[in-house]
Amino acid sequence: MKFKTKIGFVALTPERKAHIIQHHPIMEDYSVHLKDVLERPKEIRYSNRSDAILEKI
């Protein structure tokens, strides 16, 4: 699945979703909200790893 976000497009592959749920099992209950969260976040945090993430809502 691809989602248009404020910082560009985000691809959520089945493998990535499985990885997220494996490492954060509580997220399985919230996976139905992923589209809304990615497309309309309440906040965007600065990245420690990438200067490309500069925008904050």
PDB file of N, CA and C in Angstrom:
ATOM      1  N   MET A   1       0.840  -1.175   0.000  1.00  0.00           N
ATOM      2  CA  MET A   1       0.000   0.000   0.000  1.00  0.00           C
ATOM      3  C   MET A   1       0.885   1.239   0.000  1.00  0.00           C
ATOM      4  N   LYS A   2       0.464   2.251  -0.744  1.00  0.00           N
ATOM      5  CA  LYS A   2       1.153   3.537  -0.744  1.00  0.00           C
ATOM      6  C   LYS A   2       0.226   4.592  -0.179  1.00  0.00           C
ATOM      7  N   PHE A   3       0.817   5.481   0.610  1.00  0.00           N
ATOM      8  CA  PHE A   3       0.061   6.553   1.234  1.00  0.00           C
ATOM      9  C   PHE A   3       0.726   7.877   0.917  1.00  0.00           C
ATOM     10  N   LYS A   4      -0.066   8.883   0.551  1.00  0.00           N
ATOM     11  CA  LYS A   4       0.463  10.225   0.330  1.00  0.00           C
ATOM     12  C   LYS A   4       0.491  10.924   1.677  1.00  0.00           C
ATOM     13  N   THR A   5       1.680  11.356   2.090  1.00  0.00           N
ATOM     14  CA  THR A   5       1.837  12.019   3.376  1.00  0.00           C
ATOM     15  C   THR A   5       2.353  13.435   3.162  1.00  0.00           C
ATOM     16  N   LYS A   6       2.464  14.199   4.217  1.00  0.00           N
ATOM     17  CA  LYS A   6       2.973  15.562   4.134  1.00  0.00           C
ATOM     18  C   LYS A   6       4.444  15.600   3.745  1.00  0.00           C
ATOM     19  N   ILE A   7       5.161  14.488   3.921  1.00  0.00           N
ATOM     20  CA  ILE A   7       6.580  14.451   3.585  1.00  0.00           C
ATOM     21  C   ILE A   7       6.862  13.636   2.327  1.00  0.00           C
ATOM     22  N   GLY A   8       5.836  13.213   1.632  1.00  0.00           N
ATOM     23  CA  GLY A   8       6.006  12.418   0.416  1.00  0.00           C
ATOM     24  C   GLY A   8       5.198  11.134   0.512  1.00  0.00           C
ATOM     25  N   PHE A   9       5.494  10.218  -0.378  1.00  0.00           N
ATOM     26  CA  PHE A   9       4.788   8.944  -0.379  1.00  0.00           C
ATOM     27  C   PHE A   9       5.476   7.951   0.539  1.00  0.00           C
ATOM     28  N   VAL A  10       4.674   7.172   1.247  1.00  0.00           N
ATOM     29  CA  VAL A  10       5.159   6.121   2.135  1.00  0.00           C
ATOM     30  C   VAL A  10       4.581   4.809   1.639  1.00  0.00           C
ATOM     31  N   ALA A  11       5.451   3.826   1.471  1.00  0.00           N
ATOM     32  CA  ALA A  11       5.006   2.491   1.061  1.00  0.00           C
ATOM     33  C   ALA A  11       5.001   1.590   2.289  1.00  0.00           C
ATOM     34  N   LEU A  12       3.882   0.952   2.532  1.00  0.00           N
ATOM     35  CA  LEU A  12       3.773  -0.010   3.620  1.00  0.00           C
ATOM     36  C   LEU A  12       3.561  -1.382   2.998  1.00  0.00           C
ATOM     37  N   THR A  13       4.642  -2.141   2.929  1.00  0.00           N
ATOM     38  CA  THR A  13       4.576  -3.473   2.336  1.00  0.00           C
ATOM     39  C   THR A  13       4.052  -4.464   3.367  1.00  0.00           C
ATOM     40  N   PRO A  14       3.540  -5.598   2.921  1.00  0.00           N
ATOM     41  CA  PRO A  14       3.098  -6.622   3.879  1.00  0.00           C
ATOM     42  C   PRO A  14       4.241  -7.062   4.804  1.00  0.00           C
ATOM     43  N   GLU A  15       5.457  -7.107   4.267  1.00  0.00           N
ATOM     44  CA  GLU A  15       6.608  -7.496   5.086  1.00  0.00           C
ATOM     45  C   GLU A  15       6.886  -6.458   6.173  1.00  0.00           C
ATOM     46  N   ARG A  16       6.799  -5.164   5.821  1.00  0.00           N
ATOM     47  CA  ARG A  16       7.040  -4.095   6.791  1.00  0.00           C
ATOM     48  C   ARG A  16       5.945  -4.092   7.861  1.00  0.00           C
ATOM     49  N   LYS A  17       4.699  -4.298   7.444  1.00  0.00           N
ATOM     50  CA  LYS A  17       3.600  -4.355   8.406  1.00  0.00           C
ATOM     51  C   LYS A  17       3.801  -5.527   9.373  1.00  0.00           C
ATOM     52  N   ALA A  18       4.214  -6.676   8.852  1.00  0.00           N
ATOM     53  CA  ALA A  18       4.472  -7.841   9.703  1.00  0.00           C
ATOM     54  C   ALA A  18       5.617  -7.548  10.676  1.00  0.00           C
ATOM     55  N   HIS A  19       6.644  -6.850  10.201  1.00  0.00           N
ATOM     56  CA  HIS A  19       7.775  -6.477  11.051  1.00  0.00           C
ATOM     57  C   HIS A  19       7.304  -5.570  12.200  1.00  0.00           C
ATOM     58  N   ILE A  20       6.494  -4.566  11.868  1.00  0.00           N
ATOM     59  CA  ILE A  20       5.987  -3.645  12.884  1.00  0.00           C
ATOM     60  C   ILE A  20       5.192  -4.411  13.939  1.00  0.00           C
ATOM     61  N   ILE A  21       4.307  -5.288  13.508  1.00  0.00           N
ATOM     62  CA  ILE A  21       3.462  -6.045  14.446  1.00  0.00           C
ATOM     63  C   ILE A  21       4.293  -7.028  15.262  1.00  0.00           C
ATOM     64  N   GLN A  22       5.311  -7.613  14.642  1.00  0.00           N
ATOM     65  CA  GLN A  22       6.172  -8.546  15.367  1.00  0.00           C
ATOM     66  C   GLN A  22       6.913  -7.829  16.497  1.00  0.00           C
ATOM     67  N   HIS A  23       7.409  -6.623  16.227  1.00  0.00           N
ATOM     68  CA  HIS A  23       8.188  -5.894  17.229  1.00  0.00           C
ATOM     69  C   HIS A  23       7.337  -5.020  18.147  1.00  0.00           C
ATOM     70  N   HIS A  24       6.119  -4.735  17.727  1.00  0.00           N
ATOM     71  CA  HIS A  24       5.192  -3.909  18.518  1.00  0.00           C
ATOM     72  C   HIS A  24       3.805  -4.553  18.443  1.00  0.00           C
ATOM     73  N   PRO A  25       3.594  -5.684  19.112  1.00  0.00           N
ATOM     74  CA  PRO A  25       2.353  -6.453  18.972  1.00  0.00           C
ATOM     75  C   PRO A  25       1.079  -5.651  19.234  1.00  0.00           C
ATOM     76  N   ILE A  26       1.143  -4.652  20.087  1.00  0.00           N
ATOM     77  CA  ILE A  26      -0.048  -3.855  20.380  1.00  0.00           C
ATOM     78  C   ILE A  26      -0.562  -3.139  19.126  1.00  0.00           C
ATOM     79  N   MET A  27       0.319  -2.910  18.164  1.00  0.00           N
ATOM     80  CA  MET A  27      -0.066  -2.205  16.941  1.00  0.00           C
ATOM     81  C   MET A  27      -1.049  -2.998  16.084  1.00  0.00           C
ATOM     82  N   GLU A  28      -1.112  -4.298  16.271  1.00  0.00           N
ATOM     83  CA  GLU A  28      -2.059  -5.096  15.488  1.00  0.00           C
ATOM     84  C   GLU A  28      -3.492  -4.603  15.701  1.00  0.00           C
ATOM     85  N   ASP A  29      -3.805  -4.204  16.924  1.00  0.00           N
ATOM     86  CA  ASP A  29      -5.143  -3.691  17.231  1.00  0.00           C
ATOM     87  C   ASP A  29      -5.420  -2.356  16.545  1.00  0.00           C
ATOM     88  N   TYR A  30      -4.366  -1.629  16.209  1.00  0.00           N
ATOM     89  CA  TYR A  30      -4.510  -0.295  15.640  1.00  0.00           C
ATOM     90  C   TYR A  30      -4.223  -0.247  14.139  1.00  0.00           C
ATOM     91  N   SER A  31      -3.917  -1.366  13.530  1.00  0.00           N
ATOM     92  CA  SER A  31      -3.508  -1.378  12.120  1.00  0.00           C
ATOM     93  C   SER A  31      -4.580  -0.823  11.188  1.00  0.00           C
ATOM     94  N   VAL A  32      -5.834  -0.879  11.588  1.00  0.00           N
ATOM     95  CA  VAL A  32      -6.907  -0.320  10.748  1.00  0.00           C
ATOM     96  C   VAL A  32      -6.802   1.207  10.663  1.00  0.00           C
ATOM     97  N   HIS A  33      -6.032   1.818  11.573  1.00  0.00           N
ATOM     98  CA  HIS A  33      -5.886   3.274  11.604  1.00  0.00           C
ATOM     99  C   HIS A  33      -4.628   3.768  10.891  1.00  0.00           C
ATOM    100  N   LEU A  34      -3.815   2.862  10.379  1.00  0.00           N
ATOM    101  CA  LEU A  34      -2.549   3.268   9.772  1.00  0.00           C
ATOM    102  C   LEU A  34      -2.731   4.269   8.633  1.00  0.00           C
ATOM    103  N   LYS A  35      -3.700   4.046   7.782  1.00  0.00           N
ATOM    104  CA  LYS A  35      -3.936   4.947   6.650  1.00  0.00           C
ATOM    105  C   LYS A  35      -4.216   6.362   7.153  1.00  0.00           C
ATOM    106  N   ASP A  36      -5.107   6.495   8.109  1.00  0.00           N
ATOM    107  CA  ASP A  36      -5.449   7.815   8.653  1.00  0.00           C
ATOM    108  C   ASP A  36      -4.244   8.481   9.313  1.00  0.00           C
ATOM    109  N   VAL A  37      -3.493   7.717  10.074  1.00  0.00           N
ATOM    110  CA  VAL A  37      -2.330   8.276  10.775  1.00  0.00           C
ATOM    111  C   VAL A  37      -1.271   8.748   9.783  1.00  0.00           C
ATOM    112  N   LEU A  38      -1.021   7.968   8.749  1.00  0.00           N
ATOM    113  CA  LEU A  38      -0.009   8.355   7.772  1.00  0.00           C
ATOM    114  C   LEU A  38      -0.452   9.538   6.918  1.00  0.00           C
ATOM    115  N   GLU A  39      -1.721   9.580   6.551  1.00  0.00           N
ATOM    116  CA  GLU A  39      -2.200  10.645   5.671  1.00  0.00           C
ATOM    117  C   GLU A  39      -2.539  11.931   6.426  1.00  0.00           C
ATOM    118  N   ARG A  40      -2.916  11.811   7.700  1.00  0.00           N
ATOM    119  CA  ARG A  40      -3.303  13.000   8.467  1.00  0.00           C
ATOM    120  C   ARG A  40      -2.714  12.932   9.884  1.00  0.00           C
ATOM    121  N   PRO A  41      -1.394  13.042   9.987  1.00  0.00           N
ATOM    122  CA  PRO A  41      -0.779  12.950  11.317  1.00  0.00           C
ATOM    123  C   PRO A  41      -1.090  14.172  12.168  1.00  0.00           C
ATOM    124  N   LYS A  42      -1.110  13.990  13.458  1.00  0.00           N
ATOM    125  CA  LYS A  42      -1.287  15.118  14.380  1.00  0.00           C
ATOM    126  C   LYS A  42       0.022  15.869  14.549  1.00  0.00           C
ATOM    127  N   GLU A  43       1.131  15.190  14.319  1.00  0.00           N
ATOM    128  CA  GLU A  43       2.429  15.848  14.382  1.00  0.00           C
ATOM    129  C   GLU A  43       3.436  15.084  13.539  1.00  0.00           C
ATOM    130  N   ILE A  44       4.470  15.795  13.127  1.00  0.00           N
ATOM    131  CA  ILE A  44       5.606  15.194  12.434  1.00  0.00           C
ATOM    132  C   ILE A  44       6.828  15.585  13.243  1.00  0.00           C
ATOM    133  N   ARG A  45       7.607  14.624  13.643  1.00  0.00           N
ATOM    134  CA  ARG A  45       8.781  14.902  14.462  1.00  0.00           C
ATOM    135  C   ARG A  45      10.028  14.980  13.589  1.00  0.00           C
ATOM    136  N   TYR A  46      10.949  15.799  14.019  1.00  0.00           N
ATOM    137  CA  TYR A  46      12.232  15.889  13.338  1.00  0.00           C
ATOM    138  C   TYR A  46      12.955  14.556  13.452  1.00  0.00           C
ATOM    139  N   SER A  47      13.732  14.241  12.426  1.00  0.00           N
ATOM    140  CA  SER A  47      14.457  12.981  12.400  1.00  0.00           C
ATOM    141  C   SER A  47      15.896  13.181  12.864  1.00  0.00           C
ATOM    142  N   ASN A  48      16.379  12.285  13.721  1.00  0.00           N
ATOM    143  CA  ASN A  48      17.789  12.299  14.123  1.00  0.00           C
ATOM    144  C   ASN A  48      18.661  11.706  13.035  1.00  0.00           C
ATOM    145  N   ARG A  49      18.059  10.932  12.138  1.00  0.00           N
ATOM    146  CA  ARG A  49      18.811  10.183  11.139  1.00  0.00           C
ATOM    147  C   ARG A  49      18.845  10.840   9.772  1.00  0.00           C
ATOM    148  N   SER A  50      17.923  11.747   9.503  1.00  0.00           N
ATOM    149  CA  SER A  50      17.821  12.298   8.155  1.00  0.00           C
ATOM    150  C   SER A  50      17.498  13.791   8.199  1.00  0.00           C
ATOM    151  N   ASP A  51      18.275  14.575   7.463  1.00  0.00           N
ATOM    152  CA  ASP A  51      18.002  15.996   7.349  1.00  0.00           C
ATOM    153  C   ASP A  51      16.824  16.254   6.414  1.00  0.00           C
ATOM    154  N   ALA A  52      16.360  15.237   5.720  1.00  0.00           N
ATOM    155  CA  ALA A  52      15.243  15.403   4.783  1.00  0.00           C
ATOM    156  C   ALA A  52      13.924  15.628   5.519  1.00  0.00           C
ATOM    157  N   ILE A  53      13.848  15.239   6.770  1.00  0.00           N
ATOM    158  CA  ILE A  53      12.625  15.407   7.554  1.00  0.00           C
ATOM    159  C   ILE A  53      12.760  16.683   8.364  1.00  0.00           C
ATOM    160  N   LEU A  54      12.255  17.774   7.831  1.00  0.00           N
ATOM    161  CA  LEU A  54      12.446  19.065   8.462  1.00  0.00           C
ATOM    162  C   LEU A  54      11.130  19.723   8.868  1.00  0.00           C
ATOM    163  N   GLU A  55      10.044  19.291   8.279  1.00  0.00           N
ATOM    164  CA  GLU A  55       8.752  19.946   8.501  1.00  0.00           C
ATOM    165  C   GLU A  55       8.136  19.499   9.811  1.00  0.00           C
ATOM    166  N   LYS A  56       7.523  20.405  10.487  1.00  0.00           N
ATOM    167  CA  LYS A  56       6.774  20.075  11.699  1.00  0.00           C
ATOM    168  C   LYS A  56       5.426  20.767  11.573  1.00  0.00           C
ATOM    169  N   ILE A  57       4.370  20.075  11.915  1.00  0.00           N
ATOM    170  CA  ILE A  57       3.031  20.651  11.818  1.00  0.00           C
ATOM    171  C   ILE A  57       2.859  21.667  12.933  1.00  0.00           C
TER     172      ILE A  57
END
